[in-house]
Amino acid sequence: MGSNPLKALAGQTVIYGMGTIIPRLLNYLLVPLYVRVFESGVYGQITDLYAWIALLMALLTYGMETTFFRYTQKTDANKVFNNIMSCIFTTTAVFVLVYCFIYKSFANWIEYDHNTQYVFFLGIIVALDALTAVPFAKLRKENKAKRFSIIKIANVAFNIGLNLFFLVVIPEKSEAISAKLFGPEAGLLIWVLISNVLSSLLSLILLLPQMKGFHFELDKNLVKPMLKYALPILLVSIVGMVNEVADKILIKYLTPIPDEETLLSLGVTAREYAIAQVGIYGANYKLAVLMTIFIQMFRYASEPFFFNKAKDRNAPELYAKVMTYFVVFCLLIFLGVMLYIDVLKYFVGTKGSDYHEGLVIVPIILIANMLYGMVFNLSIWFKLTDKTICGTVITIIGASVTLLTLFVLVPRIGYKGAAFAHLACYTIMAVVSYFWGQKNFPIPYQIGRIALYFVLAIGLYFISLLCGDFSLVIKLTINTLLIFVYIGTVIFFERKNPLKI
């Protein structure tokens, strides 16, 4: 990694960011398209369906990415890859076979009995993406960040191109074709899913070179310990996905429904109102995408980095420094989004759009996502000590907090309760992971410095709120100065730090 490992990690994060931030930003451009093409109720269905995709993906990959990184340290990388991919191929094939028989029942269960074709394509997307997970991990292990980025960008660019073609260029023909093939209720939404299927297939094709030399192999002496290692990670992933997507799935069941007179004035049924609330929540949740992007690209770069540095004498100090700078950049993203929210809000609807009523959740989601990233940093202690069961316990605690908060708050304050559920979940997980980790794998995290930057960022945000009555130009000018105050303060306190930003 060179003489400055933190600088090397930052460089890898930027390179992986090209494969994460560019696709996410390009995908982000689909949000203003969707909120203009689809009513909030239809966008609510998109949000709901993709929540199920994320949950099923955690099930089908069952921790094999992290297992791949861990076991390539212990034995031949090609042998590990062959065995893991053989496992993934087998389980994916079984999933597809079973899913073809049960998807209509599943559709009825999640209230898509009139659109079972949506649920069918949902399963195909999950299967294709599951097959690409470990080849992508192999690229990361081999430090082929450029190829990783090219494939990710190609996937999203193709997906966006198809969306624009079906939804913008030929919307009438698209709707006519979907009505003929899938029934009149399929609408344009079906093309969102078909576009995803085709782009996922493209990724699989582009990853075929990573499959060169692969042969089906299930060595029980290797598979058995790998599955034992992966099982707690699978549970962490599934429960973690509950933390991540339970809100989008449960809002439609828990949100308070207005009385019949109000529903009549709105011209919607109770079910349509509920799914519209999911759409408003999901669209505004996307405004926190920059935080999610940074966390994801950091995760891609840091996971192999953390494992590679595990044997270094100064590893704990290095991990602590990484955490500090991680929080610094997350808080900068928080300020960047919230201080320019008057501009960014137009990504989720035009002036007067019903989507804008959900802007209140954005700061809560941003801080919650930052805490999620901190939990990922803190999780290194149980991964390096092979105590992955501890991660399972922590994540179960988080999921319990999420579900409890959702069931208590959403029926009372609607989707705002879902945002607070995220915040409560990751706060508790961070606290538990920190104190438990310090007993098993002490890392000298710079708590005081992190707290200082957090208080500073929140303070600057509240100062910006005092300028709410000013004109847009004046507000943006003041907010830009506030961001420079934050950057200047960080540079001042870090100026004598041997590992400079």
Protein backbone atom coordinates (compact mmCIF):
# COMPACT_ATOMS: atom_id res chain seq x y z
CA MET A 1 0.00 0.00 0.00
CA GLY A 2 3.04 2.25 0.04
CA SER A 3 4.51 4.42 2.80
CA ASN A 4 1.19 6.06 3.68
CA PRO A 5 -1.51 3.37 3.98
CA LEU A 6 -4.27 5.90 4.69
CA LYS A 7 -3.42 7.76 1.49
CA ALA A 8 -3.45 4.44 -0.38
CA LEU A 9 -6.88 3.62 1.06
CA ALA A 10 -8.14 7.05 0.00
CA GLY A 11 -6.81 6.41 -3.51
CA GLN A 12 -8.51 3.02 -3.71
CA THR A 13 -11.72 4.57 -2.36
CA VAL A 14 -11.65 7.14 -5.16
CA ILE A 15 -11.02 4.49 -7.83
CA TYR A 16 -13.78 2.24 -6.51
CA GLY A 17 -15.82 5.38 -6.23
CA MET A 18 -15.69 5.67 -10.01
CA GLY A 19 -17.52 2.35 -10.10
CA THR A 20 -19.86 3.33 -7.29
CA ILE A 21 -20.37 7.07 -7.30
CA ILE A 22 -20.80 7.44 -11.06
CA PRO A 23 -23.36 4.61 -11.36
CA ARG A 24 -25.18 5.83 -8.23
CA LEU A 25 -25.20 9.40 -9.50
CA LEU A 26 -26.40 8.22 -12.90
CA ASN A 27 -29.05 6.11 -11.19
CA TYR A 28 -29.89 9.17 -9.12
CA LEU A 29 -30.88 10.86 -12.37
CA LEU A 30 -33.63 8.25 -12.70
CA VAL A 31 -35.31 9.67 -9.58
CA PRO A 32 -36.37 12.98 -11.18
CA LEU A 33 -37.48 10.95 -14.21
CA TYR A 34 -39.53 8.52 -12.15
CA VAL A 35 -41.19 11.20 -9.97
CA ARG A 36 -42.26 13.02 -13.13
CA VAL A 37 -43.38 9.94 -15.07
CA PHE A 38 -45.01 8.13 -12.17
CA GLU A 39 -47.43 9.30 -9.50
CA SER A 40 -46.30 8.81 -5.90
CA GLY A 41 -48.38 5.62 -5.67
CA VAL A 42 -46.56 3.99 -8.59
CA TYR A 43 -43.18 5.19 -7.33
CA GLY A 44 -44.18 3.64 -4.01
CA GLN A 45 -44.45 0.29 -5.78
CA ILE A 46 -40.95 0.74 -7.23
CA THR A 47 -39.62 1.52 -3.74
CA ASP A 48 -41.43 -1.48 -2.28
CA LEU A 49 -40.28 -3.94 -4.96
CA TYR A 50 -36.64 -2.88 -4.76
CA ALA A 51 -36.74 -3.28 -0.99
CA TRP A 52 -37.67 -6.93 -1.56
CA ILE A 53 -34.85 -7.27 -4.12
CA ALA A 54 -32.32 -6.06 -1.54
CA LEU A 55 -33.66 -8.45 1.09
CA LEU A 56 -33.58 -11.48 -1.24
CA MET A 57 -30.09 -10.56 -2.47
CA ALA A 58 -28.78 -10.82 1.10
CA LEU A 59 -30.32 -14.30 1.26
CA LEU A 60 -28.91 -15.54 -2.06
CA THR A 61 -25.33 -14.31 -1.55
CA TYR A 62 -25.29 -15.52 2.11
CA GLY A 63 -22.08 -13.78 3.17
CA MET A 64 -19.91 -15.35 0.47
CA GLU A 65 -18.25 -12.07 -0.53
CA THR A 66 -16.68 -11.55 2.91
CA THR A 67 -15.98 -15.30 3.12
CA PHE A 68 -14.09 -15.06 -0.18
CA PHE A 69 -11.83 -12.31 1.19
CA ARG A 70 -11.20 -14.20 4.41
CA TYR A 71 -10.42 -17.63 2.92
CA THR A 72 -8.17 -16.37 0.12
CA GLN A 73 -5.87 -15.36 2.99
CA LYS A 74 -5.80 -18.97 4.18
CA THR A 75 -5.65 -21.10 1.03
CA ASP A 76 -5.40 -21.06 -2.77
CA ALA A 77 -7.53 -18.21 -4.18
CA ASN A 78 -8.62 -20.16 -7.28
CA LYS A 79 -9.78 -23.10 -5.19
CA VAL A 80 -11.73 -20.79 -2.90
CA PHE A 81 -13.34 -19.06 -5.89
CA ASN A 82 -14.30 -22.37 -7.52
CA ASN A 83 -15.94 -23.67 -4.36
CA ILE A 84 -17.77 -20.45 -3.53
CA MET A 85 -19.07 -19.99 -7.08
CA SER A 86 -20.18 -23.61 -7.14
CA CYS A 87 -22.18 -22.97 -3.98
CA ILE A 88 -23.69 -19.80 -5.44
CA PHE A 89 -24.58 -21.52 -8.75
CA THR A 90 -26.26 -24.37 -6.89
CA THR A 91 -28.32 -22.24 -4.52
CA THR A 92 -29.30 -19.79 -7.26
CA ALA A 93 -30.50 -22.62 -9.51
CA VAL A 94 -32.59 -24.03 -6.66
CA PHE A 95 -33.98 -20.56 -5.93
CA VAL A 96 -35.05 -19.98 -9.55
CA LEU A 97 -36.66 -23.41 -9.79
CA VAL A 98 -38.65 -22.96 -6.56
CA TYR A 99 -39.47 -19.31 -7.27
CA CYS A 100 -41.09 -20.14 -10.61
CA PHE A 101 -43.64 -22.25 -8.71
CA ILE A 102 -44.30 -19.88 -5.79
CA TYR A 103 -43.96 -16.33 -7.18
CA LYS A 104 -47.72 -15.89 -7.68
CA SER A 105 -48.39 -16.88 -4.08
CA PHE A 106 -45.59 -14.54 -2.99
CA ALA A 107 -47.17 -11.76 -5.08
CA ASN A 108 -50.50 -12.27 -3.34
CA TRP A 109 -48.79 -12.16 0.04
CA ILE A 110 -47.12 -8.78 -0.63
CA GLU A 111 -50.29 -7.38 -2.25
CA TYR A 112 -49.32 -7.59 -5.91
CA ASP A 113 -52.02 -10.09 -6.85
CA HIS A 114 -52.98 -7.92 -9.86
CA ASN A 115 -49.34 -7.49 -10.94
CA THR A 116 -47.71 -10.87 -10.41
CA GLN A 117 -45.42 -10.19 -13.37
CA TYR A 118 -43.66 -7.51 -11.30
CA VAL A 119 -42.82 -10.14 -8.71
CA PHE A 120 -41.64 -12.59 -11.38
CA PHE A 121 -39.10 -10.12 -12.75
CA LEU A 122 -38.08 -9.27 -9.19
CA GLY A 123 -36.88 -12.87 -8.75
CA ILE A 124 -34.97 -12.85 -12.06
CA ILE A 125 -33.12 -9.67 -11.07
CA VAL A 126 -32.14 -11.20 -7.73
CA ALA A 127 -30.83 -14.40 -9.37
CA LEU A 128 -28.72 -12.55 -11.96
CA ASP A 129 -27.25 -10.17 -9.39
CA ALA A 130 -26.43 -13.04 -7.03
CA LEU A 131 -24.30 -14.65 -9.76
CA THR A 132 -22.26 -11.45 -10.19
CA ALA A 133 -21.55 -10.81 -6.49
CA VAL A 134 -18.46 -13.02 -6.07
CA PRO A 135 -16.89 -12.20 -9.48
CA PHE A 136 -17.13 -8.53 -8.43
CA ALA A 137 -15.48 -9.48 -5.13
CA LYS A 138 -12.72 -11.22 -7.09
CA LEU A 139 -12.03 -8.00 -8.98
CA ARG A 140 -11.73 -6.17 -5.67
CA LYS A 141 -9.40 -8.83 -4.26
CA GLU A 142 -7.17 -8.59 -7.34
CA ASN A 143 -7.19 -4.76 -7.06
CA LYS A 144 -8.70 -4.48 -10.55
CA ALA A 145 -10.59 -1.38 -9.55
CA LYS A 146 -10.71 0.07 -13.07
CA ARG A 147 -12.39 -3.00 -14.57
CA PHE A 148 -14.72 -3.12 -11.59
CA SER A 149 -15.70 0.49 -12.26
CA ILE A 150 -16.11 0.04 -16.01
CA ILE A 151 -18.53 -2.87 -15.56
CA LYS A 152 -20.54 -1.05 -12.89
CA ILE A 153 -20.81 2.07 -15.05
CA ALA A 154 -21.73 0.04 -18.14
CA ASN A 155 -24.50 -1.68 -16.17
CA VAL A 156 -26.08 1.56 -15.01
CA ALA A 157 -25.60 3.42 -18.29
CA PHE A 158 -27.35 0.58 -20.13
CA ASN A 159 -30.14 0.55 -17.53
CA ILE A 160 -30.66 4.30 -17.82
CA GLY A 161 -30.63 4.12 -21.61
CA LEU A 162 -33.34 1.47 -21.57
CA ASN A 163 -35.41 3.45 -19.07
CA LEU A 164 -35.21 6.57 -21.19
CA PHE A 165 -36.09 4.59 -24.31
CA PHE A 166 -39.13 2.86 -22.83
CA LEU A 167 -40.42 5.68 -20.61
CA VAL A 168 -39.55 8.81 -22.59
CA VAL A 169 -38.87 7.98 -26.25
CA ILE A 170 -41.68 5.47 -26.87
CA PRO A 171 -43.95 5.58 -23.79
CA GLU A 172 -47.17 4.98 -25.74
CA LYS A 173 -45.75 1.98 -27.57
CA SER A 174 -44.22 0.67 -24.34
CA GLU A 175 -47.56 0.85 -22.58
CA ALA A 176 -49.34 -0.80 -25.51
CA ILE A 177 -46.80 -3.65 -25.61
CA SER A 178 -46.95 -4.19 -21.83
CA ALA A 179 -50.75 -4.25 -21.96
CA LYS A 180 -50.65 -6.88 -24.71
CA LEU A 181 -47.99 -9.04 -23.03
CA PHE A 182 -48.79 -8.64 -19.35
CA GLY A 183 -52.27 -7.10 -19.13
CA PRO A 184 -53.55 -3.51 -18.93
CA GLU A 185 -52.53 -3.06 -15.27
CA ALA A 186 -48.82 -3.65 -15.99
CA GLY A 187 -48.32 -0.07 -17.19
CA LEU A 188 -44.92 1.52 -17.70
CA LEU A 189 -43.56 0.23 -14.39
CA ILE A 190 -42.93 -3.19 -15.93
CA TRP A 191 -40.29 -1.61 -18.18
CA VAL A 192 -38.34 -0.41 -15.16
CA LEU A 193 -37.97 -4.04 -14.09
CA ILE A 194 -37.27 -5.36 -17.61
CA SER A 195 -34.54 -2.72 -18.02
CA ASN A 196 -32.97 -3.92 -14.78
CA VAL A 197 -33.08 -7.57 -15.92
CA LEU A 198 -31.27 -6.72 -19.15
CA SER A 199 -28.62 -4.56 -17.45
CA SER A 200 -27.97 -7.28 -14.84
CA LEU A 201 -27.54 -9.76 -17.68
CA LEU A 202 -25.02 -7.39 -19.28
CA SER A 203 -22.97 -7.33 -16.05
CA LEU A 204 -22.93 -11.11 -15.93
CA ILE A 205 -21.67 -11.28 -19.53
CA LEU A 206 -18.94 -8.66 -18.86
CA LEU A 207 -17.79 -10.65 -15.82
CA LEU A 208 -17.25 -13.86 -17.79
CA PRO A 209 -13.45 -13.23 -18.02
CA GLN A 210 -13.37 -13.46 -14.20
CA MET A 211 -14.88 -16.93 -14.59
CA LYS A 212 -12.00 -18.12 -16.78
CA GLY A 213 -10.58 -21.33 -15.38
CA PHE A 214 -13.62 -21.91 -13.19
CA HIS A 215 -14.78 -25.47 -12.77
CA PHE A 216 -17.52 -26.84 -10.55
CA GLU A 217 -15.99 -28.01 -7.29
CA LEU A 218 -17.46 -28.68 -3.86
CA ASP A 219 -14.68 -29.76 -1.52
CA LYS A 220 -16.43 -30.54 1.75
CA ASN A 221 -13.21 -29.91 3.71
CA LEU A 222 -13.26 -26.33 2.42
CA VAL A 223 -16.98 -25.70 1.91
CA LYS A 224 -17.94 -26.79 5.42
CA PRO A 225 -15.72 -24.28 7.30
CA MET A 226 -16.56 -21.55 4.76
CA LEU A 227 -20.28 -22.06 5.31
CA LYS A 228 -19.70 -22.07 9.06
CA TYR A 229 -17.89 -18.74 8.71
CA ALA A 230 -20.53 -17.38 6.32
CA LEU A 231 -23.62 -18.39 8.32
CA PRO A 232 -23.31 -15.60 10.91
CA ILE A 233 -22.55 -13.15 8.09
CA LEU A 234 -25.69 -14.36 6.29
CA LEU A 235 -27.72 -13.70 9.42
CA VAL A 236 -26.06 -10.29 9.75
CA SER A 237 -26.85 -9.53 6.10
CA ILE A 238 -30.49 -10.59 6.35
CA VAL A 239 -31.09 -8.83 9.64
CA GLY A 240 -29.08 -5.88 8.30
CA MET A 241 -31.38 -5.75 5.31
CA VAL A 242 -34.32 -5.75 7.71
CA ASN A 243 -32.76 -2.62 9.20
CA GLU A 244 -32.35 -1.18 5.73
CA VAL A 245 -35.60 -2.06 3.98
CA ALA A 246 -38.21 -2.94 6.62
CA ASP A 247 -39.36 0.68 6.59
CA LYS A 248 -40.09 0.64 2.87
CA ILE A 249 -41.95 -2.66 3.19
CA LEU A 250 -43.93 -1.91 6.36
CA ILE A 251 -44.98 1.72 5.84
CA LYS A 252 -47.89 0.69 3.61
CA TYR A 253 -49.19 -1.58 6.39
CA LEU A 254 -48.55 0.73 9.36
CA THR A 255 -49.07 4.31 8.16
CA PRO A 256 -52.15 6.07 9.56
CA ILE A 257 -54.96 6.27 6.98
CA PRO A 258 -57.17 9.39 6.80
CA ASP A 259 -60.92 9.07 7.23
CA GLU A 260 -63.12 8.15 4.28
CA GLU A 261 -64.13 11.75 3.62
CA THR A 262 -60.48 12.83 3.29
CA LEU A 263 -59.67 9.86 1.06
CA LEU A 264 -62.65 10.76 -1.13
CA SER A 265 -61.45 14.35 -1.46
CA LEU A 266 -58.01 13.05 -2.46
CA GLY A 267 -59.56 10.64 -4.95
CA VAL A 268 -57.70 7.59 -3.64
CA THR A 269 -58.43 4.37 -1.80
CA ALA A 270 -56.83 3.51 1.53
CA ARG A 271 -54.38 1.15 -0.20
CA GLU A 272 -53.45 3.77 -2.82
CA TYR A 273 -52.88 6.35 -0.09
CA ALA A 274 -50.65 3.95 1.85
CA ILE A 275 -48.46 3.05 -1.14
CA ALA A 276 -48.24 6.76 -2.07
CA GLN A 277 -46.74 7.38 1.39
CA VAL A 278 -44.10 4.77 0.54
CA GLY A 279 -43.38 6.65 -2.70
CA ILE A 280 -42.97 10.02 -0.95
CA TYR A 281 -40.71 8.43 1.67
CA GLY A 282 -38.68 6.51 -0.92
CA ALA A 283 -38.11 9.55 -3.14
CA ASN A 284 -36.88 11.73 -0.27
CA TYR A 285 -34.78 8.86 1.08
CA LYS A 286 -32.91 9.11 -2.23
CA LEU A 287 -31.76 12.63 -1.32
CA ALA A 288 -29.40 10.94 1.14
CA VAL A 289 -27.82 9.05 -1.76
CA LEU A 290 -24.49 10.93 -1.58
CA MET A 291 -23.93 9.59 1.92
CA THR A 292 -24.84 6.09 0.78
CA ILE A 293 -22.49 6.38 -2.20
CA PHE A 294 -19.54 7.41 -0.06
CA ILE A 295 -20.18 4.61 2.44
CA GLN A 296 -20.48 2.02 -0.32
CA MET A 297 -17.33 3.05 -2.16
CA PHE A 298 -15.46 3.26 1.15
CA ARG A 299 -16.68 -0.23 2.00
CA TYR A 300 -15.46 -1.68 -1.31
CA ALA A 301 -11.99 -0.24 -0.75
CA SER A 302 -11.70 -0.68 3.02
CA GLU A 303 -12.76 -4.31 3.48
CA PRO A 304 -9.72 -5.81 1.71
CA PHE A 305 -7.58 -2.97 3.16
CA PHE A 306 -8.58 -3.81 6.74
CA PHE A 307 -7.82 -7.51 6.23
CA ASN A 308 -4.48 -6.80 4.55
CA LYS A 309 -3.38 -4.50 7.40
CA ALA A 310 -4.55 -6.82 10.18
CA LYS A 311 -1.05 -8.10 10.99
CA ASP A 312 0.58 -4.65 11.12
CA ARG A 313 1.76 -3.56 14.54
CA ASN A 314 0.10 -0.16 14.18
CA ALA A 315 -3.17 -1.50 12.78
CA PRO A 316 -5.39 -0.33 15.70
CA GLU A 317 -4.11 3.25 15.43
CA LEU A 318 -4.61 3.12 11.66
CA TYR A 319 -8.19 1.87 12.02
CA ALA A 320 -8.88 4.68 14.50
CA LYS A 321 -7.56 7.29 12.09
CA VAL A 322 -9.66 5.85 9.28
CA MET A 323 -12.77 6.21 11.45
CA THR A 324 -12.01 9.88 12.19
CA TYR A 325 -11.59 10.82 8.56
CA PHE A 326 -14.59 8.74 7.58
CA VAL A 327 -16.77 10.80 9.95
CA VAL A 328 -15.19 14.04 8.72
CA PHE A 329 -16.22 13.31 5.13
CA CYS A 330 -19.66 12.02 6.12
CA LEU A 331 -20.38 15.26 8.00
CA LEU A 332 -19.19 17.25 5.00
CA ILE A 333 -21.70 15.34 2.86
CA PHE A 334 -24.41 16.02 5.46
CA LEU A 335 -23.73 19.74 5.28
CA GLY A 336 -23.46 19.68 1.49
CA VAL A 337 -26.91 18.13 1.14
CA MET A 338 -28.75 20.02 3.87
CA LEU A 339 -27.30 23.46 3.14
CA TYR A 340 -28.25 23.13 -0.53
CA ILE A 341 -31.58 21.35 0.03
CA ASP A 342 -33.45 24.29 -1.55
CA VAL A 343 -31.86 23.31 -4.85
CA LEU A 344 -31.61 19.54 -4.43
CA LYS A 345 -35.31 19.19 -3.57
CA TYR A 346 -36.20 19.68 -7.24
CA PHE A 347 -34.67 16.27 -7.94
CA VAL A 348 -37.70 14.79 -6.22
CA GLY A 349 -40.46 16.76 -7.86
CA THR A 350 -41.31 20.15 -9.31
CA LYS A 351 -42.52 23.10 -7.25
CA GLY A 352 -45.62 22.19 -5.28
CA SER A 353 -45.10 18.43 -5.77
CA ASP A 354 -46.53 16.16 -3.08
CA TYR A 355 -43.09 14.53 -2.89
CA HIS A 356 -41.71 17.67 -1.19
CA GLU A 357 -43.74 17.10 1.94
CA GLY A 358 -41.26 14.34 2.79
CA LEU A 359 -38.16 16.59 2.88
CA VAL A 360 -38.37 16.59 6.68
CA ILE A 361 -36.86 13.08 6.79
CA VAL A 362 -33.68 13.95 4.84
CA PRO A 363 -31.44 15.18 7.74
CA ILE A 364 -32.54 12.23 9.89
CA ILE A 365 -31.70 9.72 7.15
CA LEU A 366 -28.33 11.36 6.45
CA ILE A 367 -27.21 11.08 10.09
CA ALA A 368 -28.61 7.54 10.31
CA ASN A 369 -26.61 6.52 7.22
CA MET A 370 -23.45 8.05 8.68
CA LEU A 371 -23.97 5.97 11.82
CA TYR A 372 -24.44 2.91 9.59
CA GLY A 373 -21.03 3.62 8.05
CA MET A 374 -19.53 3.95 11.53
CA VAL A 375 -21.04 0.57 12.44
CA PHE A 376 -19.30 -0.91 9.39
CA ASN A 377 -15.98 0.56 10.57
CA LEU A 378 -16.54 -0.74 14.08
CA SER A 379 -17.37 -4.23 12.78
CA ILE A 380 -13.73 -4.91 11.91
CA TRP A 381 -13.05 -6.30 15.40
CA PHE A 382 -15.30 -9.35 15.05
CA LYS A 383 -14.30 -10.00 11.43
CA LEU A 384 -10.58 -10.08 12.26
CA THR A 385 -11.08 -12.23 15.35
CA ASP A 386 -13.43 -14.63 13.48
CA LYS A 387 -16.16 -13.86 16.03
CA THR A 388 -18.72 -13.12 13.35
CA ILE A 389 -21.46 -14.43 15.63
CA CYS A 390 -20.97 -11.23 17.64
CA GLY A 391 -21.86 -9.25 14.54
CA THR A 392 -25.03 -11.31 14.28
CA VAL A 393 -26.00 -10.44 17.85
CA ILE A 394 -25.34 -6.73 17.27
CA THR A 395 -27.35 -6.70 14.07
CA ILE A 396 -30.24 -8.58 15.69
CA ILE A 397 -30.27 -5.93 18.42
CA GLY A 398 -30.42 -3.27 15.69
CA ALA A 399 -33.22 -5.06 13.84
CA SER A 400 -35.19 -5.37 17.07
CA VAL A 401 -34.84 -1.63 17.63
CA THR A 402 -35.86 -0.95 14.02
CA LEU A 403 -38.99 -3.09 14.16
CA LEU A 404 -39.99 -1.84 17.60
CA THR A 405 -39.60 1.79 16.55
CA LEU A 406 -41.43 1.21 13.28
CA PHE A 407 -44.42 -0.41 15.01
CA VAL A 408 -44.53 2.30 17.68
CA LEU A 409 -43.92 5.45 15.63
CA VAL A 410 -45.20 4.86 12.08
CA PRO A 411 -48.85 4.37 13.15
CA ARG A 412 -48.54 7.70 15.02
CA ILE A 413 -46.43 9.98 12.78
CA GLY A 414 -46.32 8.11 9.47
CA TYR A 415 -43.14 7.76 7.46
CA LYS A 416 -41.28 10.20 9.74
CA GLY A 417 -41.36 7.38 12.27
CA ALA A 418 -39.52 5.17 9.76
CA ALA A 419 -36.73 7.74 9.51
CA PHE A 420 -36.39 7.82 13.31
CA ALA A 421 -36.33 4.00 13.29
CA HIS A 422 -33.18 4.11 11.14
CA LEU A 423 -31.58 6.64 13.45
CA ALA A 424 -32.40 4.66 16.60
CA CYS A 425 -31.22 1.39 15.08
CA TYR A 426 -27.77 2.53 13.98
CA THR A 427 -27.20 4.59 17.13
CA ILE A 428 -27.76 1.53 19.33
CA MET A 429 -25.68 -0.70 17.04
CA ALA A 430 -22.76 1.76 17.05
CA VAL A 431 -22.80 2.03 20.86
CA VAL A 432 -23.01 -1.74 21.43
CA SER A 433 -20.36 -2.54 18.81
CA TYR A 434 -17.97 0.07 20.20
CA PHE A 435 -18.06 -1.09 23.82
CA TRP A 436 -18.08 -4.79 22.95
CA GLY A 437 -15.25 -4.33 20.47
CA GLN A 438 -13.07 -2.45 22.95
CA LYS A 439 -13.15 -5.48 25.24
CA ASN A 440 -12.10 -7.93 22.51
CA PHE A 441 -10.01 -5.90 20.05
CA PRO A 442 -9.15 -2.48 21.53
CA ILE A 443 -8.90 0.33 18.98
CA PRO A 444 -8.06 3.87 20.21
CA TYR A 445 -10.89 5.68 18.41
CA GLN A 446 -10.64 9.46 18.68
CA ILE A 447 -14.03 9.91 20.35
CA GLY A 448 -13.40 13.49 21.46
CA ARG A 449 -12.33 14.63 18.01
CA ILE A 450 -15.24 12.85 16.33
CA ALA A 451 -17.71 14.41 18.81
CA LEU A 452 -16.22 17.87 18.16
CA TYR A 453 -16.74 17.60 14.40
CA PHE A 454 -20.26 16.21 14.88
CA VAL A 455 -21.31 19.06 17.19
CA LEU A 456 -19.74 21.57 14.80
CA ALA A 457 -21.61 20.20 11.77
CA ILE A 458 -24.97 20.04 13.57
CA GLY A 459 -24.41 23.55 14.96
CA LEU A 460 -23.70 24.94 11.49
CA TYR A 461 -26.84 23.22 10.17
CA PHE A 462 -29.00 24.89 12.83
CA ILE A 463 -27.40 28.25 12.07
CA SER A 464 -28.43 27.75 8.43
CA LEU A 465 -32.04 27.15 9.55
CA LEU A 466 -32.09 30.64 11.05
CA CYS A 467 -31.66 32.00 7.51
CA GLY A 468 -34.87 30.35 6.28
CA ASP A 469 -36.63 33.65 5.51
CA PHE A 470 -33.80 35.05 3.38
CA SER A 471 -33.80 34.99 -0.42
CA LEU A 472 -32.38 31.89 -2.10
CA VAL A 473 -29.19 33.64 -3.25
CA ILE A 474 -28.43 35.02 0.20
CA LYS A 475 -29.20 31.68 1.87
CA LEU A 476 -26.92 29.76 -0.48
CA THR A 477 -24.14 32.32 -0.01
CA ILE A 478 -24.34 32.08 3.78
CA ASN A 479 -24.54 28.28 3.64
CA THR A 480 -21.47 28.11 1.40
CA LEU A 481 -19.56 30.18 3.96
CA LEU A 482 -20.73 27.79 6.69
CA ILE A 483 -19.30 24.86 4.76
CA PHE A 484 -15.96 26.66 4.48
CA VAL A 485 -16.10 27.23 8.26
CA TYR A 486 -16.43 23.46 8.73
CA ILE A 487 -13.59 22.66 6.31
CA GLY A 488 -11.37 25.33 7.84
CA THR A 489 -11.97 24.04 11.36
CA VAL A 490 -11.13 20.47 10.36
CA ILE A 491 -7.91 21.58 8.64
CA PHE A 492 -6.95 23.63 11.71
CA PHE A 493 -7.35 20.70 14.10
CA GLU A 494 -5.70 18.20 11.75
CA ARG A 495 -2.79 20.41 10.67
CA LYS A 496 -0.26 18.68 12.92
CA ASN A 497 -1.57 15.22 12.28
CA PRO A 498 1.12 12.93 10.77
CA LEU A 499 -1.48 11.24 8.54
CA LYS A 500 -2.82 14.30 6.79
CA ILE A 501 -6.19 14.50 5.06
